[in-house]
Protein backbone atom coordinates (compact mmCIF):
# COMPACT_ATOMS: atom_id res chain seq x y z
CA MET A 1 -50.62 75.34 29.46
CA LYS A 2 -53.14 76.62 26.90
CA SER A 3 -51.59 78.35 23.89
CA ASP A 4 -54.75 79.75 22.46
CA VAL A 5 -55.95 83.00 23.66
CA ASN A 6 -59.69 84.05 23.44
CA LYS A 7 -60.55 87.65 23.70
CA GLY A 8 -63.12 88.52 26.27
CA ASN A 9 -62.29 85.72 28.85
CA ARG A 10 -61.72 86.63 32.45
CA ILE A 11 -58.01 86.27 33.62
CA VAL A 12 -57.49 85.58 37.32
CA LEU A 13 -53.89 86.89 37.92
CA PHE A 14 -52.20 85.74 41.09
CA ASP A 15 -49.18 87.07 42.96
CA LEU A 16 -47.02 84.27 44.56
CA GLY A 17 -45.64 85.30 47.85
CA GLY A 18 -48.12 86.32 50.40
CA VAL A 19 -51.08 85.25 48.37
CA LEU A 20 -50.33 81.61 47.47
CA ALA A 21 -47.15 81.07 49.16
CA ASP A 22 -46.22 81.86 52.71
CA LEU A 23 -43.31 84.12 52.96
CA GLY A 24 -42.99 83.35 56.69
CA GLU A 25 -40.59 85.18 58.87
CA PRO A 26 -37.42 85.35 56.81
CA ALA A 27 -35.26 87.27 59.38
CA GLN A 28 -35.90 84.49 61.88
CA ALA A 29 -35.54 81.76 59.20
CA ILE A 30 -32.18 83.35 57.96
CA GLY A 31 -30.91 83.86 61.61
CA LEU A 32 -30.65 87.68 61.38
CA ASP A 33 -30.84 89.65 64.68
CA ILE A 34 -33.28 92.33 63.12
CA THR A 35 -36.94 92.57 63.05
CA GLU A 36 -39.09 91.39 60.30
CA LYS A 37 -40.02 94.92 59.37
CA ARG A 38 -36.46 95.77 59.00
CA PHE A 39 -35.69 92.85 56.84
CA TRP A 40 -38.32 93.68 54.39
CA GLU A 41 -37.25 97.46 54.36
CA ILE A 42 -33.79 96.25 53.14
CA TRP A 43 -34.96 93.42 50.91
CA LEU A 44 -37.67 95.36 49.21
CA ASN A 45 -35.50 98.35 48.58
CA SER A 46 -32.31 96.52 47.61
CA GLU A 47 -31.03 97.16 43.96
CA ASN A 48 -29.19 93.85 44.32
CA VAL A 49 -32.51 92.01 44.99
CA HIS A 50 -34.24 93.84 42.10
CA ALA A 51 -31.31 92.86 39.77
CA PHE A 52 -31.49 89.26 41.13
CA GLU A 53 -35.16 89.02 40.60
CA MET A 54 -34.93 90.52 37.11
CA GLY A 55 -32.49 87.94 35.85
CA GLU A 56 -29.81 90.61 35.66
CA MET A 57 -27.50 89.29 38.35
CA GLU A 58 -26.09 85.85 38.81
CA ALA A 59 -26.26 84.06 42.21
CA SER A 60 -22.70 84.08 42.40
CA GLU A 61 -22.79 87.88 42.38
CA PHE A 62 -26.05 88.22 44.40
CA PHE A 63 -25.14 86.39 47.63
CA PRO A 64 -22.05 88.29 48.49
CA ALA A 65 -23.70 91.57 47.65
CA ILE A 66 -26.83 90.84 49.71
CA ALA A 67 -24.62 89.66 52.64
CA THR A 68 -22.96 92.94 52.70
CA GLU A 69 -26.35 94.87 52.84
CA PHE A 70 -27.32 92.76 55.82
CA GLY A 71 -23.99 93.30 57.59
CA GLN A 72 -22.89 89.61 57.25
CA ALA A 73 -19.11 88.83 56.88
CA ASP A 74 -19.38 85.15 56.11
CA ASN A 75 -20.74 85.02 52.60
CA GLU A 76 -21.00 81.30 52.36
CA ALA A 77 -22.80 80.88 55.59
CA PHE A 78 -25.25 83.73 54.79
CA GLU A 79 -25.93 82.06 51.28
CA GLU A 80 -26.72 78.75 53.00
CA SER A 81 -29.09 80.64 55.36
CA ILE A 82 -30.99 82.36 52.54
CA ARG A 83 -31.29 79.19 50.66
CA ALA A 84 -32.97 77.70 53.77
CA TRP A 85 -35.63 80.30 53.51
CA HIS A 86 -38.55 78.40 52.06
CA LEU A 87 -41.91 79.68 50.60
CA PRO A 88 -44.39 76.76 51.07
CA LEU A 89 -47.81 77.09 49.50
CA PHE A 90 -50.51 77.97 51.89
CA PRO A 91 -52.91 75.09 52.75
CA GLY A 92 -55.75 75.12 50.40
CA ALA A 93 -53.97 76.98 47.66
CA GLU A 94 -54.20 74.16 45.18
CA ALA A 95 -57.80 73.45 45.94
CA MET A 96 -58.64 77.12 45.33
CA ILE A 97 -56.74 77.36 42.05
CA HIS A 98 -58.53 74.14 40.76
CA SER A 99 -61.83 75.66 41.73
CA VAL A 100 -61.51 78.66 39.47
CA PRO A 101 -63.96 78.23 36.49
CA ASP A 102 -62.61 76.68 33.31
CA GLU A 103 -63.91 79.70 31.52
CA CYS A 104 -61.41 81.79 33.22
CA TYR A 105 -57.71 81.92 32.41
CA VAL A 106 -55.31 81.74 35.44
CA ALA A 107 -52.00 83.32 35.42
CA LEU A 108 -49.17 84.33 37.81
CA LEU A 109 -47.33 87.57 37.93
CA SER A 110 -44.48 87.45 40.44
CA ASN A 111 -41.47 89.28 41.40
CA THR A 112 -39.37 86.34 42.25
CA ASN A 113 -35.94 84.74 41.53
CA ALA A 114 -34.77 81.46 40.07
CA MET A 115 -33.85 80.14 43.54
CA HIS A 116 -37.13 80.54 45.12
CA TRP A 117 -39.05 79.44 41.88
CA GLU A 118 -37.12 76.25 41.76
CA GLN A 119 -37.85 75.53 45.29
CA VAL A 120 -41.63 76.29 45.10
CA THR A 121 -42.05 74.22 42.05
CA SER A 122 -40.21 71.23 43.30
CA GLU A 123 -42.80 70.80 46.02
CA THR A 124 -46.08 71.13 43.79
CA ASP A 125 -47.34 70.69 40.24
CA ILE A 126 -50.17 73.22 40.77
CA PHE A 127 -48.65 75.56 38.19
CA SER A 128 -49.48 73.17 35.45
CA ARG A 129 -52.99 74.59 35.90
CA PHE A 130 -51.81 78.04 34.99
CA ASP A 131 -52.15 79.33 31.44
CA HIS A 132 -49.23 81.60 31.72
CA LEU A 133 -46.39 82.50 34.19
CA PHE A 134 -44.97 86.00 34.16
CA LEU A 135 -41.90 85.57 36.23
CA SER A 136 -39.70 88.72 36.81
CA PHE A 137 -36.45 86.69 36.56
CA GLU A 138 -37.46 85.43 33.09
CA THR A 139 -39.19 88.49 31.71
CA GLY A 140 -36.89 91.17 33.22
CA LEU A 141 -40.15 93.12 34.21
CA TYR A 142 -40.72 94.16 37.78
CA LYS A 143 -43.90 95.12 39.52
CA PRO A 144 -45.30 97.71 39.89
CA THR A 145 -43.96 99.19 36.68
CA ALA A 146 -46.46 99.68 33.99
CA GLU A 147 -44.69 97.31 31.51
CA SER A 148 -45.02 94.49 33.98
CA PHE A 149 -48.84 94.74 33.84
CA GLU A 150 -49.00 95.54 30.12
CA GLN A 151 -47.31 92.30 29.21
CA VAL A 152 -50.30 90.51 30.68
CA ILE A 153 -52.63 92.58 28.42
CA ALA A 154 -50.53 91.90 25.31
CA HIS A 155 -50.32 88.15 26.06
CA PHE A 156 -53.99 87.57 26.57
CA GLU A 157 -55.14 90.27 24.12
CA CYS A 158 -57.52 91.43 26.67
CA LYS A 159 -58.89 94.78 28.10
CA PRO A 160 -57.32 95.72 31.56
CA GLY A 161 -60.79 95.28 33.11
CA ASP A 162 -60.88 91.63 32.18
CA VAL A 163 -58.09 91.05 34.60
CA LEU A 164 -58.77 90.21 38.33
CA PHE A 165 -55.43 90.74 39.99
CA LEU A 166 -54.68 89.52 43.64
CA ASP A 167 -51.50 90.83 45.29
CA ASP A 168 -50.50 91.29 48.90
CA SER A 169 -48.64 94.62 48.13
CA PRO A 170 -50.52 97.92 48.27
CA ARG A 171 -48.03 99.53 45.65
CA ASN A 172 -48.50 96.58 43.19
CA VAL A 173 -52.38 96.70 43.56
CA ALA A 174 -52.17 100.53 42.96
CA GLY A 175 -50.03 100.14 40.01
CA ALA A 176 -52.36 97.58 38.39
CA GLY A 177 -55.37 99.70 39.32
CA LYS A 178 -53.95 102.75 37.43
CA LEU A 179 -53.87 100.68 34.20
CA GLY A 180 -57.62 99.64 34.77
CA PHE A 181 -57.06 96.20 36.22
CA GLU A 182 -59.53 94.93 38.75
CA ALA A 183 -56.90 94.84 41.46
CA CYS A 184 -57.49 93.73 45.01
CA GLN A 185 -55.13 93.52 47.96
CA THR A 186 -55.34 90.01 49.42
CA ARG A 187 -53.19 88.08 51.86
CA GLY A 188 -53.42 84.19 52.00
CA ILE A 189 -56.03 81.85 50.74
CA ASP A 190 -59.13 82.84 52.70
CA GLU A 191 -59.00 86.41 51.44
CA ALA A 192 -58.13 85.28 47.94
CA ARG A 193 -61.14 82.79 47.90
CA ALA A 194 -63.55 85.46 49.30
CA ILE A 195 -62.58 88.01 46.57
CA ILE A 196 -62.64 85.54 43.83
CA GLY A 197 -66.08 84.29 44.89
CA GLU A 198 -67.41 87.80 44.99
CA ARG A 199 -66.04 88.94 41.70
CA LEU A 200 -66.75 85.84 39.80
CA LYS A 201 -70.38 85.35 40.74
CA GLY A 202 -72.33 83.73 38.07
CA ALA A 203 -69.08 82.37 36.51
CA GLY A 204 -69.38 79.00 38.19
CA TYR A 205 -66.73 79.57 41.02
CA ALA A 206 -66.88 76.86 43.60
CA HIS A 207 -66.32 78.24 47.07
């Protein structure tokens, strides 16, 4: 990763799940008898998930707590099932990242946990192309708080408008937009590639 930061350069800031990596159908993958919509309602609003993904809760505490939230009595079996929920990169993700112009910095801003991060990075070295990784379990900052976006500005010493932010969550896009980021809701590689091509015209982006 680059250690130098040049003011004025464009930063392409990616979310991970839903943009670069496939979140799949976790309820089905874990073996829960609930809809995917219900799974996400519980997961995204869980204080235990937030604490785990902000590095404030150890795995040994998290798994029993989240098992209770999902009404599962067998903590060990539920932990094993959650660990089997994989987030593979979408086909074409690596090619898209490598096609971002060298004049642009590439960064990641993700609400994620150590378990998923270890899993994703064990299957690809694409993140060596990134100039910085803002991971919630390391920073303790969680989207869509203002602080989670301000850390990007502080690190790159840039203006908010220099950042092209791609995220699949409307509330994260809205939060970044309030601070002046060029924030776009995208899902998957095709949408991300189209947005980057449109917004980086003239910067040498290879479609």
